[in-house]
C-alpha atoms as a PDB file:
ATOM      1  CA  MET A   1      30.543   2.747  -3.452  1.00  0.00           C
ATOM      2  CA  SER A   2      27.835   2.246  -0.826  1.00  0.00           C
ATOM      3  CA  PRO A   3      24.258   2.167  -2.122  1.00  0.00           C
ATOM      4  CA  ARG A   4      22.557   5.549  -1.908  1.00  0.00           C
ATOM      5  CA  CYS A   5      18.760   5.374  -1.937  1.00  0.00           C
ATOM      6  CA  PHE A   6      15.840   7.773  -1.672  1.00  0.00           C
ATOM      7  CA  VAL A   7      12.154   8.425  -1.301  1.00  0.00           C
ATOM      8  CA  ILE A   8      10.862  11.240  -3.495  1.00  0.00           C
ATOM      9  CA  GLY A   9       7.597  13.118  -3.227  1.00  0.00           C
ATOM     10  CA  HIS A  10       6.212  16.635  -2.880  1.00  0.00           C
ATOM     11  CA  PRO A  11       5.866  17.221   0.035  1.00  0.00           C
ATOM     12  CA  ILE A  12       8.028  14.500   1.578  1.00  0.00           C
ATOM     13  CA  ALA A  13       8.812  15.523   5.191  1.00  0.00           C
ATOM     14  CA  HIS A  14       6.043  13.224   6.516  1.00  0.00           C
ATOM     15  CA  SER A  15       7.519  10.030   5.037  1.00  0.00           C
ATOM     16  CA  ARG A  16       8.499   7.341   7.530  1.00  0.00           C
ATOM     17  CA  SER A  17      10.391   5.313   4.922  1.00  0.00           C
ATOM     18  CA  PRO A  18      13.825   6.618   6.054  1.00  0.00           C
ATOM     19  CA  LEU A  19      13.084   5.378   9.580  1.00  0.00           C
ATOM     20  CA  ILE A  20      12.165   1.905   8.276  1.00  0.00           C
ATOM     21  CA  HIS A  21      15.145   1.520   5.924  1.00  0.00           C
ATOM     22  CA  GLY A  22      17.532   3.189   8.372  1.00  0.00           C
ATOM     23  CA  GLU A  23      16.608   0.635  11.025  1.00  0.00           C
ATOM     24  CA  TRP A  24      17.236  -2.241   8.614  1.00  0.00           C
ATOM     25  CA  LEU A  25      20.621  -0.793   7.606  1.00  0.00           C
ATOM     26  CA  ARG A  26      21.551  -0.596  11.302  1.00  0.00           C
ATOM     27  CA  GLN A  27      20.148  -4.049  12.110  1.00  0.00           C
ATOM     28  CA  TYR A  28      22.034  -5.798   9.298  1.00  0.00           C
ATOM     29  CA  GLY A  29      25.202  -3.728   9.667  1.00  0.00           C
ATOM     30  CA  LEU A  30      25.105  -2.540   6.044  1.00  0.00           C
ATOM     31  CA  ALA A  31      26.856   0.439   4.528  1.00  0.00           C
ATOM     32  CA  GLY A  32      24.511   2.692   2.605  1.00  0.00           C
ATOM     33  CA  SER A  33      21.984   5.470   2.999  1.00  0.00           C
ATOM     34  CA  TYR A  34      18.312   6.229   2.442  1.00  0.00           C
ATOM     35  CA  GLU A  35      17.125   9.840   2.358  1.00  0.00           C
ATOM     36  CA  ARG A  36      14.064  11.994   1.740  1.00  0.00           C
ATOM     37  CA  VAL A  37      14.269  14.185  -1.346  1.00  0.00           C
ATOM     38  CA  ASP A  38      11.573  16.771  -2.063  1.00  0.00           C
ATOM     39  CA  VAL A  39      11.075  16.765  -5.831  1.00  0.00           C
ATOM     40  CA  ALA A  40       8.537  19.124  -7.392  1.00  0.00           C
ATOM     41  CA  PRO A  41       6.667  17.711 -10.434  1.00  0.00           C
ATOM     42  CA  ALA A  42       8.589  19.934 -12.857  1.00  0.00           C
ATOM     43  CA  ASP A  43      11.894  18.591 -11.486  1.00  0.00           C
ATOM     44  CA  LEU A  44      11.037  14.888 -11.775  1.00  0.00           C
ATOM     45  CA  PRO A  45      12.756  14.268 -15.163  1.00  0.00           C
ATOM     46  CA  ALA A  46      15.988  15.856 -13.907  1.00  0.00           C
ATOM     47  CA  PHE A  47      15.932  13.731 -10.762  1.00  0.00           C
ATOM     48  CA  ILE A  48      15.370  10.503 -12.696  1.00  0.00           C
ATOM     49  CA  ALA A  49      18.347  11.495 -14.867  1.00  0.00           C
ATOM     50  CA  LYS A  50      20.471  11.472 -11.694  1.00  0.00           C
ATOM     51  CA  LEU A  51      19.321   7.922 -10.984  1.00  0.00           C
ATOM     52  CA  ARG A  52      20.118   6.917 -14.549  1.00  0.00           C
ATOM     53  CA  GLU A  53      23.611   8.423 -14.249  1.00  0.00           C
ATOM     54  CA  GLY A  54      24.357   6.378 -11.123  1.00  0.00           C
ATOM     55  CA  GLU A  55      24.061   9.042  -8.430  1.00  0.00           C
ATOM     56  CA  PHE A  56      21.539   6.758  -6.707  1.00  0.00           C
ATOM     57  CA  THR A  57      21.058   2.975  -6.551  1.00  0.00           C
ATOM     58  CA  GLY A  58      17.275   3.188  -6.441  1.00  0.00           C
ATOM     59  CA  GLY A  59      14.455   4.371  -4.258  1.00  0.00           C
ATOM     60  CA  ASN A  60      10.805   4.869  -3.532  1.00  0.00           C
ATOM     61  CA  VAL A  61       8.271   7.150  -5.176  1.00  0.00           C
ATOM     62  CA  THR A  62       5.268   8.633  -3.437  1.00  0.00           C
ATOM     63  CA  VAL A  63       2.612  11.217  -4.307  1.00  0.00           C
ATOM     64  CA  PRO A  64       2.400  13.011  -6.663  1.00  0.00           C
ATOM     65  CA  HIS A  65       4.911  11.032  -8.778  1.00  0.00           C
ATOM     66  CA  LYS A  66       3.641   7.423  -8.724  1.00  0.00           C
ATOM     67  CA  GLU A  67       2.015   7.697 -12.154  1.00  0.00           C
ATOM     68  CA  ALA A  68       4.150  10.365 -13.851  1.00  0.00           C
ATOM     69  CA  VAL A  69       7.418   8.518 -13.226  1.00  0.00           C
ATOM     70  CA  MET A  70       6.254   5.565 -15.339  1.00  0.00           C
ATOM     71  CA  ALA A  71       6.922   7.539 -18.540  1.00  0.00           C
ATOM     72  CA  LEU A  72      10.513   8.209 -17.469  1.00  0.00           C
ATOM     73  CA  VAL A  73      11.691   4.635 -16.804  1.00  0.00           C
ATOM     74  CA  ASP A  74      12.693   1.819 -19.170  1.00  0.00           C
ATOM     75  CA  GLU A  75      10.593  -1.026 -17.796  1.00  0.00           C
ATOM     76  CA  VAL A  76       7.442  -1.269 -15.676  1.00  0.00           C
ATOM     77  CA  SER A  77       6.443  -4.526 -13.971  1.00  0.00           C
ATOM     78  CA  GLU A  78       3.234  -6.323 -14.853  1.00  0.00           C
ATOM     79  CA  ALA A  79       1.714  -5.178 -11.531  1.00  0.00           C
ATOM     80  CA  GLY A  80       2.755  -1.579 -12.156  1.00  0.00           C
ATOM     81  CA  ARG A  81       1.183  -1.600 -15.614  1.00  0.00           C
ATOM     82  CA  ALA A  82      -2.054  -3.169 -14.385  1.00  0.00           C
ATOM     83  CA  ILE A  83      -2.371  -0.744 -11.476  1.00  0.00           C
ATOM     84  CA  GLY A  84      -1.182   2.309 -13.383  1.00  0.00           C
ATOM     85  CA  ALA A  85       1.200   3.413 -10.643  1.00  0.00           C
ATOM     86  CA  VAL A  86       4.596   2.446  -9.209  1.00  0.00           C
ATOM     87  CA  ASN A  87       6.399   3.116  -5.957  1.00  0.00           C
ATOM     88  CA  THR A  88       9.803   1.398  -6.253  1.00  0.00           C
ATOM     89  CA  LEU A  89      12.688   2.014  -8.693  1.00  0.00           C
ATOM     90  CA  TRP A  90      16.064   0.372  -9.264  1.00  0.00           C
ATOM     91  CA  ARG A  91      18.822   0.258 -11.866  1.00  0.00           C
ATOM     92  CA  GLU A  92      19.368  -3.036 -13.661  1.00  0.00           C
ATOM     93  CA  ASP A  93      21.866  -3.518 -16.532  1.00  0.00           C
ATOM     94  CA  GLY A  94      21.927   0.202 -17.201  1.00  0.00           C
ATOM     95  CA  ARG A  95      18.143   0.473 -17.290  1.00  0.00           C
ATOM     96  CA  ILE A  96      15.648   1.808 -14.757  1.00  0.00           C
ATOM     97  CA  VAL A  97      12.966  -0.652 -13.666  1.00  0.00           C
ATOM     98  CA  ALA A  98       9.784   0.296 -11.778  1.00  0.00           C
ATOM     99  CA  ASP A  99       7.435  -1.865  -9.704  1.00  0.00           C
ATOM    100  CA  ASN A 100       4.480  -1.504  -7.365  1.00  0.00           C
ATOM    101  CA  THR A 101       5.242  -3.123  -4.004  1.00  0.00           C
ATOM    102  CA  ASP A 102       1.995  -2.007  -2.352  1.00  0.00           C
ATOM    103  CA  VAL A 103       0.438  -5.213  -3.720  1.00  0.00           C
ATOM    104  CA  PRO A 104       2.858  -7.692  -2.076  1.00  0.00           C
ATOM    105  CA  GLY A 105       2.932  -5.406   0.977  1.00  0.00           C
ATOM    106  CA  PHE A 106      -0.824  -5.642   1.457  1.00  0.00           C
ATOM    107  CA  LEU A 107      -0.881  -9.395   0.858  1.00  0.00           C
ATOM    108  CA  ALA A 108       2.137 -10.151   3.074  1.00  0.00           C
ATOM    109  CA  HIS A 109       0.602  -8.261   5.985  1.00  0.00           C
ATOM    110  CA  LEU A 110      -2.727 -10.063   5.508  1.00  0.00           C
ATOM    111  CA  ASP A 111      -0.891 -13.404   5.338  1.00  0.00           C
ATOM    112  CA  ALA A 112       0.982 -12.628   8.564  1.00  0.00           C
ATOM    113  CA  THR A 113      -2.041 -11.330  10.482  1.00  0.00           C
ATOM    114  CA  VAL A 114      -4.691 -13.806   9.284  1.00  0.00           C
ATOM    115  CA  PRO A 115      -2.864 -17.027   8.306  1.00  0.00           C
ATOM    116  CA  GLY A 116      -4.885 -19.176   5.916  1.00  0.00           C
ATOM    117  CA  TRP A 117      -7.303 -16.359   5.026  1.00  0.00           C
ATOM    118  CA  GLN A 118      -7.577 -17.520   1.420  1.00  0.00           C
ATOM    119  CA  GLY A 119      -9.338 -20.683   2.483  1.00  0.00           C
ATOM    120  CA  ARG A 120     -12.279 -18.842   4.014  1.00  0.00           C
ATOM    121  CA  ILE A 121     -12.584 -15.509   2.219  1.00  0.00           C
ATOM    122  CA  ARG A 122     -14.813 -15.664  -0.840  1.00  0.00           C
ATOM    123  CA  THR A 123     -16.387 -12.196  -0.964  1.00  0.00           C
ATOM    124  CA  VAL A 124     -14.441  -8.971  -0.426  1.00  0.00           C
ATOM    125  CA  LEU A 125     -15.943  -5.496  -0.033  1.00  0.00           C
ATOM    126  CA  VAL A 126     -13.438  -2.829  -1.094  1.00  0.00           C
ATOM    127  CA  LEU A 127     -14.275   0.748  -0.068  1.00  0.00           C
ATOM    128  CA  GLY A 128     -12.912   3.284  -2.563  1.00  0.00           C
ATOM    129  CA  ALA A 129     -11.746   3.131  -6.173  1.00  0.00           C
ATOM    130  CA  GLY A 130      -8.506   5.118  -6.177  1.00  0.00           C
ATOM    131  CA  GLY A 131      -4.943   3.960  -6.798  1.00  0.00           C
ATOM    132  CA  ALA A 132      -4.676   2.023  -3.528  1.00  0.00           C
ATOM    133  CA  ALA A 133      -7.942   0.205  -4.256  1.00  0.00           C
ATOM    134  CA  ARG A 134      -6.736  -0.725  -7.718  1.00  0.00           C
ATOM    135  CA  GLY A 135      -3.557  -2.285  -6.351  1.00  0.00           C
ATOM    136  CA  ILE A 136      -5.378  -4.169  -3.607  1.00  0.00           C
ATOM    137  CA  CYS A 137      -8.009  -5.489  -6.026  1.00  0.00           C
ATOM    138  CA  TYR A 138      -5.238  -6.616  -8.386  1.00  0.00           C
ATOM    139  CA  GLY A 139      -3.580  -8.468  -5.506  1.00  0.00           C
ATOM    140  CA  LEU A 140      -6.791 -10.106  -4.290  1.00  0.00           C
ATOM    141  CA  LYS A 141      -7.627 -11.203  -7.830  1.00  0.00           C
ATOM    142  CA  SER A 142      -4.141 -12.739  -8.151  1.00  0.00           C
ATOM    143  CA  ARG A 143      -4.905 -14.834  -5.056  1.00  0.00           C
ATOM    144  CA  GLY A 144      -8.091 -16.235  -6.590  1.00  0.00           C
ATOM    145  CA  VAL A 145     -10.750 -14.422  -4.537  1.00  0.00           C
ATOM    146  CA  GLU A 146     -14.166 -15.335  -5.977  1.00  0.00           C
ATOM    147  CA  ARG A 147     -15.964 -11.993  -5.670  1.00  0.00           C
ATOM    148  CA  ILE A 148     -14.605  -8.450  -5.201  1.00  0.00           C
ATOM    149  CA  ILE A 149     -17.213  -5.702  -4.742  1.00  0.00           C
ATOM    150  CA  VAL A 150     -15.920  -2.144  -5.184  1.00  0.00           C
ATOM    151  CA  ALA A 151     -18.097   0.493  -3.498  1.00  0.00           C
ATOM    152  CA  ASN A 152     -17.235   4.098  -4.301  1.00  0.00           C
ATOM    153  CA  ARG A 153     -18.847   7.540  -4.137  1.00  0.00           C
ATOM    154  CA  SER A 154     -18.467   7.724  -7.906  1.00  0.00           C
ATOM    155  CA  LEU A 155     -20.110   4.573  -9.231  1.00  0.00           C
ATOM    156  CA  GLU A 156     -18.696   5.399 -12.666  1.00  0.00           C
ATOM    157  CA  ARG A 157     -15.136   5.287 -11.356  1.00  0.00           C
ATOM    158  CA  ALA A 158     -15.779   1.968  -9.616  1.00  0.00           C
ATOM    159  CA  ALA A 159     -17.294   0.577 -12.830  1.00  0.00           C
ATOM    160  CA  GLU A 160     -14.270   1.740 -14.848  1.00  0.00           C
ATOM    161  CA  MET A 161     -11.909  -0.052 -12.459  1.00  0.00           C
ATOM    162  CA  ALA A 162     -14.012  -3.221 -12.511  1.00  0.00           C
ATOM    163  CA  ALA A 163     -14.064  -3.192 -16.310  1.00  0.00           C
ATOM    164  CA  SER A 164     -10.307  -2.589 -16.483  1.00  0.00           C
ATOM    165  CA  LEU A 165      -9.271  -5.351 -14.057  1.00  0.00           C
ATOM    166  CA  GLY A 166     -12.095  -7.674 -15.109  1.00  0.00           C
ATOM    167  CA  ARG A 167     -13.810 -10.470 -13.228  1.00  0.00           C
ATOM    168  CA  PRO A 168     -14.332 -11.126 -10.358  1.00  0.00           C
ATOM    169  CA  LEU A 169     -14.618  -7.352  -9.758  1.00  0.00           C
ATOM    170  CA  GLU A 170     -18.013  -5.696  -9.700  1.00  0.00           C
ATOM    171  CA  ALA A 171     -19.005  -2.099  -8.952  1.00  0.00           C
ATOM    172  CA  ALA A 172     -21.508  -1.031  -6.307  1.00  0.00           C
ATOM    173  CA  ASP A 173     -23.050   2.287  -5.394  1.00  0.00           C
ATOM    174  CA  TRP A 174     -21.671   3.867  -2.194  1.00  0.00           C
ATOM    175  CA  ALA A 175     -25.195   3.897  -0.723  1.00  0.00           C
ATOM    176  CA  ARG A 176     -25.141   0.058  -0.690  1.00  0.00           C
ATOM    177  CA  ARG A 177     -22.055  -0.228   1.516  1.00  0.00           C
ATOM    178  CA  ASP A 178     -23.954  -0.874   4.771  1.00  0.00           C
ATOM    179  CA  ALA A 179     -26.008  -3.697   3.246  1.00  0.00           C
ATOM    180  CA  LEU A 180     -22.920  -5.230   1.631  1.00  0.00           C
ATOM    181  CA  VAL A 181     -21.179  -5.507   5.023  1.00  0.00           C
ATOM    182  CA  GLY A 182     -23.278  -8.610   5.712  1.00  0.00           C
ATOM    183  CA  GLU A 183     -22.115 -10.335   2.505  1.00  0.00           C
ATOM    184  CA  ALA A 184     -18.386  -9.754   3.004  1.00  0.00           C
ATOM    185  CA  ASP A 185     -15.804 -12.113   4.471  1.00  0.00           C
ATOM    186  CA  LEU A 186     -13.209  -9.333   4.158  1.00  0.00           C
ATOM    187  CA  ILE A 187     -13.766  -5.565   4.170  1.00  0.00           C
ATOM    188  CA  VAL A 188     -10.939  -3.252   3.068  1.00  0.00           C
ATOM    189  CA  ASN A 189     -10.981   0.521   3.520  1.00  0.00           C
ATOM    190  CA  THR A 190      -8.691   1.961   0.834  1.00  0.00           C
ATOM    191  CA  THR A 191      -9.893   5.559   1.278  1.00  0.00           C
ATOM    192  CA  ALA A 192      -8.376   8.297   3.452  1.00  0.00           C
ATOM    193  CA  LEU A 193     -11.649   8.500   5.410  1.00  0.00           C
ATOM    194  CA  GLY A 194     -10.937   7.974   9.102  1.00  0.00           C
ATOM    195  CA  MET A 195      -7.373   9.222   8.787  1.00  0.00           C
ATOM    196  CA  GLN A 196      -6.244  11.863  11.263  1.00  0.00           C
ATOM    197  CA  GLY A 197      -7.378  15.239   9.935  1.00  0.00           C
ATOM    198  CA  LYS A 198      -9.805  13.700   7.432  1.00  0.00           C
ATOM    199  CA  PRO A 199     -13.587  13.170   7.634  1.00  0.00           C
ATOM    200  CA  PRO A 200     -14.728   9.959   9.348  1.00  0.00           C
ATOM    201  CA  LEU A 201     -15.615   6.819   7.438  1.00  0.00           C
ATOM    202  CA  GLU A 202     -19.362   6.472   7.848  1.00  0.00           C
ATOM    203  CA  ILE A 203     -20.355   2.819   7.635  1.00  0.00           C
ATOM    204  CA  ASP A 204     -22.798   0.750   9.670  1.00  0.00           C
ATOM    205  CA  LEU A 205     -21.199  -2.488  10.865  1.00  0.00           C
ATOM    206  CA  SER A 206     -24.345  -3.895  12.508  1.00  0.00           C
ATOM    207  CA  ARG A 207     -24.524  -6.591   9.794  1.00  0.00           C
ATOM    208  CA  LEU A 208     -20.880  -7.640  10.323  1.00  0.00           C
ATOM    209  CA  ARG A 209     -20.594 -11.385  10.846  1.00  0.00           C
ATOM    210  CA  PRO A 210     -18.221 -12.571  13.613  1.00  0.00           C
ATOM    211  CA  GLY A 211     -14.887 -13.585  12.111  1.00  0.00           C
ATOM    212  CA  THR A 212     -15.120 -11.167   9.189  1.00  0.00           C
ATOM    213  CA  VAL A 213     -11.694  -9.645   8.507  1.00  0.00           C
ATOM    214  CA  VAL A 214     -11.660  -5.830   8.464  1.00  0.00           C
ATOM    215  CA  ASP A 215      -8.542  -4.243   6.966  1.00  0.00           C
ATOM    216  CA  ASP A 216      -7.965  -0.479   7.087  1.00  0.00           C
ATOM    217  CA  ILE A 217      -4.938   0.789   5.165  1.00  0.00           C
ATOM    218  CA  VAL A 218      -5.021   4.018   7.204  1.00  0.00           C
ATOM    219  CA  TYR A 219      -2.284   3.902   9.897  1.00  0.00           C
ATOM    220  CA  VAL A 220      -2.627   7.341  11.518  1.00  0.00           C
ATOM    221  CA  PRO A 221      -4.266   6.765  13.943  1.00  0.00           C
ATOM    222  CA  LEU A 222      -2.898   3.269  14.491  1.00  0.00           C
ATOM    223  CA  LYS A 223      -6.325   2.009  15.519  1.00  0.00           C
ATOM    224  CA  THR A 224      -9.011   3.660  13.442  1.00  0.00           C
ATOM    225  CA  THR A 225     -12.651   3.926  14.458  1.00  0.00           C
ATOM    226  CA  LEU A 226     -13.445   1.284  11.816  1.00  0.00           C
ATOM    227  CA  LEU A 227     -11.014  -1.226  13.357  1.00  0.00           C
ATOM    228  CA  ALA A 228     -12.152  -0.505  16.916  1.00  0.00           C
ATOM    229  CA  GLU A 229     -15.813  -1.028  15.975  1.00  0.00           C
ATOM    230  CA  ALA A 230     -14.992  -4.189  14.008  1.00  0.00           C
ATOM    231  CA  GLY A 231     -13.161  -5.617  17.007  1.00  0.00           C
ATOM    232  CA  ARG A 232     -16.104  -4.886  19.309  1.00  0.00           C
ATOM    233  CA  ARG A 233     -18.421  -6.749  16.934  1.00  0.00           C
ATOM    234  CA  GLY A 234     -16.279  -9.883  16.712  1.00  0.00           C
ATOM    235  CA  GLY A 235     -14.445  -8.999  13.526  1.00  0.00           C
ATOM    236  CA  VAL A 236     -10.738  -9.559  12.916  1.00  0.00           C
ATOM    237  CA  PRO A 237      -8.986  -6.148  12.645  1.00  0.00           C
ATOM    238  CA  VAL A 238      -5.956  -5.713  10.345  1.00  0.00           C
ATOM    239  CA  ASP A 239      -4.254  -2.319  10.591  1.00  0.00           C
ATOM    240  CA  GLY A 240      -2.542  -0.269   7.906  1.00  0.00           C
ATOM    241  CA  LEU A 241       0.893  -0.035   9.517  1.00  0.00           C
ATOM    242  CA  GLY A 242       1.807  -3.605   8.579  1.00  0.00           C
ATOM    243  CA  MET A 243       1.185  -2.868   4.898  1.00  0.00           C
ATOM    244  CA  LEU A 244       3.554   0.126   5.119  1.00  0.00           C
ATOM    245  CA  LEU A 245       6.269  -2.067   6.651  1.00  0.00           C
ATOM    246  CA  HIS A 246       5.855  -5.039   4.304  1.00  0.00           C
ATOM    247  CA  GLN A 247       5.763  -2.915   1.118  1.00  0.00           C
ATOM    248  CA  ALA A 248       9.272  -1.692   1.991  1.00  0.00           C
ATOM    249  CA  VAL A 249      10.777  -5.200   1.947  1.00  0.00           C
ATOM    250  CA  PRO A 250      11.177  -5.818  -1.843  1.00  0.00           C
ATOM    251  CA  GLY A 251      12.891  -2.494  -2.511  1.00  0.00           C
ATOM    252  CA  PHE A 252      15.406  -2.924   0.312  1.00  0.00           C
ATOM    253  CA  GLY A 253      16.237  -6.363  -1.060  1.00  0.00           C
ATOM    254  CA  ARG A 254      16.861  -4.916  -4.529  1.00  0.00           C
ATOM    255  CA  TRP A 255      19.084  -2.061  -3.345  1.00  0.00           C
ATOM    256  CA  PHE A 256      21.053  -3.626  -0.505  1.00  0.00           C
ATOM    257  CA  GLY A 257      21.054  -7.344  -1.380  1.00  0.00           C
ATOM    258  CA  ILE A 258      19.377  -8.608   1.777  1.00  0.00           C
ATOM    259  CA  THR A 259      15.673  -9.380   2.190  1.00  0.00           C
ATOM    260  CA  PRO A 260      14.805  -7.823   5.571  1.00  0.00           C
ATOM    261  CA  GLU A 261      12.281  -9.046   8.116  1.00  0.00           C
ATOM    262  CA  VAL A 262       9.342  -7.116   9.490  1.00  0.00           C
ATOM    263  CA  THR A 263       9.873  -7.649  13.212  1.00  0.00           C
ATOM    264  CA  PRO A 264       7.944  -6.577  16.332  1.00  0.00           C
ATOM    265  CA  ALA A 265      10.901  -4.288  17.152  1.00  0.00           C
ATOM    266  CA  LEU A 266      10.594  -2.480  13.819  1.00  0.00           C
ATOM    267  CA  ARG A 267       6.864  -2.116  14.271  1.00  0.00           C
ATOM    268  CA  ALA A 268       7.357  -0.727  17.785  1.00  0.00           C
ATOM    269  CA  LEU A 269       9.837   1.829  16.449  1.00  0.00           C
ATOM    270  CA  ILE A 270       7.405   3.151  13.839  1.00  0.00           C
ATOM    271  CA  GLU A 271       4.465   3.030  16.269  1.00  0.00           C
ATOM    272  CA  ALA A 272       6.423   5.215  18.702  1.00  0.00           C
ATOM    273  CA  ASP A 273       7.178   7.694  15.927  1.00  0.00           C
ATOM    274  CA  ILE A 274       3.508   7.876  14.933  1.00  0.00           C
ATOM    275  CA  LEU A 275       2.375   8.377  18.527  1.00  0.00           C
ATOM    276  CA  LYS A 276       4.795  11.245  19.169  1.00  0.00           C
ATOM    277  CA  ALA A 277       3.835  13.076  15.952  1.00  0.00           C
END
């Protein structure tokens, strides 16, 4: 039977995952499917039972299920446990395994956009202390970054995350973000600020040093105000769309047996979809 895969969330109509996986299925000539399924929180256990029974091969999990689903699976990866959230599920030897592929997705996109970044990035300023920030900080720590400063509106939340993940994380008050720009070799916006329909991200980049990498995980709009300003000041912009594309790679490999490539053609396809929305 051909693999049948899914992305679940509530709501789910906005997800571009079917477009990404559908393009890979077409490109590699594979039999199988990948569909959106709207699953309300109360219906999550029943849906996971369908996966356990073999109705699906595996799939992706998005809000609001990325934490709740962890209690319904048999095994959670080390990254998933450390981050406290997962986004990818598959069946293995009759068991359901969960992982968080946002971490390798973020790192793979950074690797592709700024080759050799690890050799010159010592201090990272991370804006926000939510689930995305936790995953990104976990990934940066795994790559041996010397200093990771987490600036968040709630200093307490930033301090909790720093204590949980340990050194080299440190918490900083949100009011210090402008001053910290001058210390950072890499700045990462993990908040929804600057996203279409959301309030702007207010940060002064006047202290930005030329060559500083500025990564915004927001991808609607494709070029955020933060990235445009960083580019004007000699920074190296890294957009959020690449992270979305690269995080999809491990799951596809698990479900369909082929590790796909993130190509310019795939990126162009998703860009066109974003622009017409």
